[in-house]
Amino acid sequence: MGVLRAYVLLVFVYTCMGQYTYPVDDSPGLGRVFDGIGAISGGGATSKLLVSYPQQQRDEILDFLFKPNFGASLHIFKVEIGGDAQSSEGSEATHMRSPEEQNYSRGYEWWMMKEAKKRNPDIKLYGLPWGFPGWLEDPVASVYGQPERTAQYVVNWVIGAKKYHNLTIDYIGCWNEHLYNTTY
C-alpha cells in the first residue's frame, strides 16, 4: 500500500509542476545569442588520420559533421593552432618554427577547415593554441613573458589562413587550459 501512495503522490506532484507558469523578464534585453553547436579538431592529432581514409568514407564522415541539415550540422569548428608541441594525443605542426620562417602548408588543420567550409560556407572558424614553439618562451618557459611576440604569432596564423587558404577566422582563443594574461 505504501508504494501505491508514493506513486500517486509522485504523479500528483509532476502534474502540478507541469501547470506552473515560469515568468520571463526580458526587459533588459534578450541576453546572449545562441552561436550554434560546435566541435574541436585539436589536442594533438585527433583528426590527423581522417585525411588518409578512403575518399568515400572520408566524404561521408565530413558530410555528417559539416553539411547543413544533415548529421551533426555543426555551426562552429574549433581547430588547434599548431605549435610543434606535445598537446595531449600528439602534436600539430606550427606555421612558424622561428620568428623569420613561416610556412602555411604544414599540418592538417588547414585541410579540415577547407573541408568544413566546402560543405557549409557559413560555418564559423575558431583557432586556439594548445602549445607554442620553444622560441616564443621567455627564461621561465612562459609564452606570456613576451606577449607581443606571442600575439604576433597568433595574428600571423590568422593572416596566413586568409592569405594562403582563403579562410576567415571568426574567433581566437588565448591558450588551451591556461589562465589568460591581460597584457597578451
Protein backbone atom coordinates (compact mmCIF):
# COMPACT_ATOMS: atom_id res chain seq x y z
CA MET A 1 0.00 0.00 0.00
CA GLY A 2 2.94 2.36 0.74
CA VAL A 3 4.26 2.01 -2.81
CA LEU A 4 0.87 2.91 -4.26
CA ARG A 5 0.65 6.04 -2.09
CA ALA A 6 4.14 7.10 -3.12
CA TYR A 7 3.24 6.56 -6.79
CA VAL A 8 0.02 8.60 -6.51
CA LEU A 9 1.88 11.38 -4.70
CA LEU A 10 4.60 11.39 -7.37
CA VAL A 11 2.04 11.59 -10.19
CA PHE A 12 0.24 14.43 -8.37
CA VAL A 13 3.48 16.41 -7.88
CA TYR A 14 4.52 16.00 -11.54
CA THR A 15 1.04 17.00 -12.71
CA CYS A 16 1.12 20.17 -10.61
CA MET A 17 4.62 21.06 -11.79
CA GLY A 18 3.59 20.85 -15.42
CA GLN A 19 0.95 23.53 -14.86
CA TYR A 20 3.28 26.11 -13.34
CA THR A 21 3.94 29.26 -15.37
CA TYR A 22 7.53 30.45 -15.34
CA PRO A 23 7.79 34.24 -15.71
CA VAL A 24 10.48 35.54 -18.04
CA ASP A 25 11.73 39.09 -17.62
CA ASP A 26 13.20 40.18 -20.94
CA SER A 27 13.12 43.92 -20.13
CA PRO A 28 16.95 44.18 -20.04
CA GLY A 29 17.13 42.54 -23.50
CA LEU A 30 17.15 39.06 -24.87
CA GLY A 31 20.57 38.11 -23.48
CA ARG A 32 23.24 36.12 -25.23
CA VAL A 33 22.77 34.90 -28.76
CA PHE A 34 22.96 31.17 -29.44
CA ASP A 35 26.02 30.77 -31.67
CA GLY A 36 25.41 27.14 -32.52
CA ILE A 37 26.77 23.67 -31.94
CA GLY A 38 30.48 23.17 -32.41
CA ALA A 39 33.26 20.60 -32.38
CA ILE A 40 37.03 20.58 -31.93
CA SER A 41 39.84 19.20 -34.01
CA GLY A 42 42.70 19.69 -31.63
CA GLY A 43 44.65 18.39 -28.72
CA GLY A 44 47.30 16.87 -30.93
CA ALA A 45 46.40 14.80 -33.95
CA THR A 46 42.79 13.99 -33.05
CA SER A 47 41.73 14.30 -36.71
CA LYS A 48 45.01 13.54 -38.44
CA LEU A 49 44.08 10.09 -39.74
CA LEU A 50 40.88 11.28 -41.43
CA VAL A 51 42.78 12.58 -44.45
CA SER A 52 44.07 9.03 -45.07
CA TYR A 53 40.63 7.38 -45.13
CA PRO A 54 39.32 6.14 -48.47
CA GLN A 55 37.63 9.02 -50.32
CA GLN A 56 34.05 7.74 -49.99
CA GLN A 57 34.24 7.08 -46.24
CA ARG A 58 36.11 10.34 -45.62
CA ASP A 59 33.48 12.34 -47.52
CA GLU A 60 30.65 10.62 -45.66
CA ILE A 61 32.22 11.48 -42.30
CA LEU A 62 32.84 15.10 -43.34
CA ASP A 63 29.27 15.40 -44.65
CA PHE A 64 27.89 14.07 -41.36
CA LEU A 65 29.95 16.64 -39.47
CA PHE A 66 29.54 19.79 -41.52
CA LYS A 67 26.71 19.59 -44.06
CA PRO A 68 23.75 21.79 -43.02
CA ASN A 69 20.55 19.97 -42.03
CA PHE A 70 22.35 16.64 -42.16
CA GLY A 71 24.03 14.71 -39.36
CA ALA A 72 25.68 16.92 -36.74
CA SER A 73 25.30 20.01 -38.95
CA LEU A 74 27.97 21.88 -36.98
CA HIS A 75 27.88 25.68 -36.81
CA ILE A 76 31.30 26.28 -35.24
CA PHE A 77 34.57 24.46 -35.85
CA LYS A 78 37.49 24.97 -33.46
CA VAL A 79 40.95 23.89 -34.57
CA GLU A 80 44.32 23.72 -32.91
CA ILE A 81 46.84 26.37 -33.89
CA GLY A 82 49.83 24.09 -34.17
CA GLY A 83 52.88 24.76 -32.05
CA ASP A 84 55.23 21.80 -32.72
CA ALA A 85 54.47 20.87 -29.12
CA GLN A 86 53.03 17.80 -27.45
CA SER A 87 49.39 18.70 -26.94
CA SER A 88 47.51 15.76 -25.43
CA GLU A 89 47.48 12.95 -28.03
CA GLY A 90 50.23 14.18 -30.33
CA SER A 91 51.27 17.43 -31.96
CA GLU A 92 50.24 19.69 -34.80
CA ALA A 93 52.89 21.42 -36.90
CA THR A 94 53.49 25.11 -36.36
CA HIS A 95 53.35 27.76 -39.07
CA MET A 96 56.47 29.44 -37.58
CA ARG A 97 59.43 27.36 -36.49
CA SER A 98 61.36 30.57 -35.89
CA PRO A 99 60.50 34.28 -35.92
CA GLU A 100 61.79 34.55 -39.51
CA GLU A 101 60.45 31.32 -41.04
CA GLN A 102 56.77 30.97 -41.90
CA ASN A 103 55.12 28.06 -43.71
CA TYR A 104 51.35 27.82 -44.08
CA SER A 105 51.25 24.44 -45.78
CA ARG A 106 52.22 22.40 -42.71
CA GLY A 107 49.66 20.43 -40.76
CA TYR A 108 46.21 19.02 -41.43
CA GLU A 109 44.01 21.66 -39.79
CA TRP A 110 44.04 23.83 -42.93
CA TRP A 111 42.59 20.89 -44.85
CA MET A 112 39.96 20.26 -42.17
CA MET A 113 38.82 23.90 -42.20
CA LYS A 114 38.60 23.95 -46.00
CA GLU A 115 36.55 20.74 -45.98
CA ALA A 116 34.22 22.25 -43.39
CA LYS A 117 33.79 25.46 -45.43
CA LYS A 118 33.25 23.44 -48.62
CA ARG A 119 30.24 21.77 -47.00
CA ASN A 120 29.00 24.75 -45.03
CA PRO A 121 30.26 28.18 -46.16
CA ASP A 122 28.57 29.78 -43.13
CA ILE A 123 30.41 27.70 -40.51
CA LYS A 124 32.36 29.82 -38.01
CA LEU A 125 36.06 29.00 -37.60
CA TYR A 126 37.86 29.24 -34.27
CA GLY A 127 41.60 28.92 -33.67
CA LEU A 128 43.15 28.01 -30.33
CA PRO A 129 46.79 27.29 -29.46
CA TRP A 130 47.40 24.17 -27.35
CA GLY A 131 51.15 24.77 -27.26
CA PHE A 132 53.73 27.12 -28.72
CA PRO A 133 57.16 26.66 -30.32
CA GLY A 134 60.08 27.00 -27.93
CA TRP A 135 61.38 30.25 -29.42
CA LEU A 136 58.32 32.07 -28.02
CA GLU A 137 59.11 31.18 -24.41
CA ASP A 138 60.89 33.50 -22.01
CA PRO A 139 63.54 32.29 -19.50
CA VAL A 140 60.85 30.86 -17.18
CA ALA A 141 59.24 28.91 -20.05
CA SER A 142 56.16 31.10 -20.41
CA VAL A 143 54.83 32.49 -23.68
CA TYR A 144 53.26 35.29 -21.63
CA GLY A 145 56.73 36.67 -20.82
CA GLN A 146 56.88 38.30 -24.26
CA PRO A 147 53.19 38.87 -25.02
CA GLU A 148 53.79 40.98 -28.13
CA ARG A 149 55.67 38.12 -29.83
CA THR A 150 53.04 35.59 -28.79
CA ALA A 151 50.22 37.81 -30.05
CA GLN A 152 52.04 38.37 -33.35
CA TYR A 153 52.48 34.60 -33.72
CA VAL A 154 48.69 34.10 -33.45
CA VAL A 155 47.95 37.12 -35.68
CA ASN A 156 50.30 35.68 -38.32
CA TRP A 157 48.31 32.41 -38.22
CA VAL A 158 45.06 34.34 -38.82
CA ILE A 159 46.63 36.32 -41.67
CA GLY A 160 48.13 33.14 -43.17
CA ALA A 161 44.75 31.39 -43.02
CA LYS A 162 43.28 34.16 -45.18
CA LYS A 163 46.25 34.75 -47.48
CA TYR A 164 47.18 31.14 -48.27
CA HIS A 165 43.90 29.25 -47.71
CA ASN A 166 41.19 31.91 -48.17
CA LEU A 167 39.86 31.07 -44.69
CA THR A 168 38.39 33.76 -42.45
CA ILE A 169 38.95 33.02 -38.77
CA ASP A 170 35.97 34.22 -36.72
CA TYR A 171 37.21 33.55 -33.18
CA ILE A 172 40.57 33.17 -31.45
CA GLY A 173 41.31 31.77 -28.01
CA CYS A 174 44.32 32.65 -25.83
CA TRP A 175 45.80 29.29 -24.83
CA ASN A 176 44.04 26.00 -24.16
CA GLU A 177 43.64 25.15 -20.46
CA HIS A 178 45.81 28.05 -19.26
CA LEU A 179 44.87 31.22 -17.45
CA TYR A 180 44.65 34.30 -19.62
CA ASN A 181 47.10 37.17 -19.41
CA THR A 182 45.66 40.67 -19.76
CA THR A 183 48.81 42.04 -21.42
CA TYR A 184 48.68 39.28 -24.04
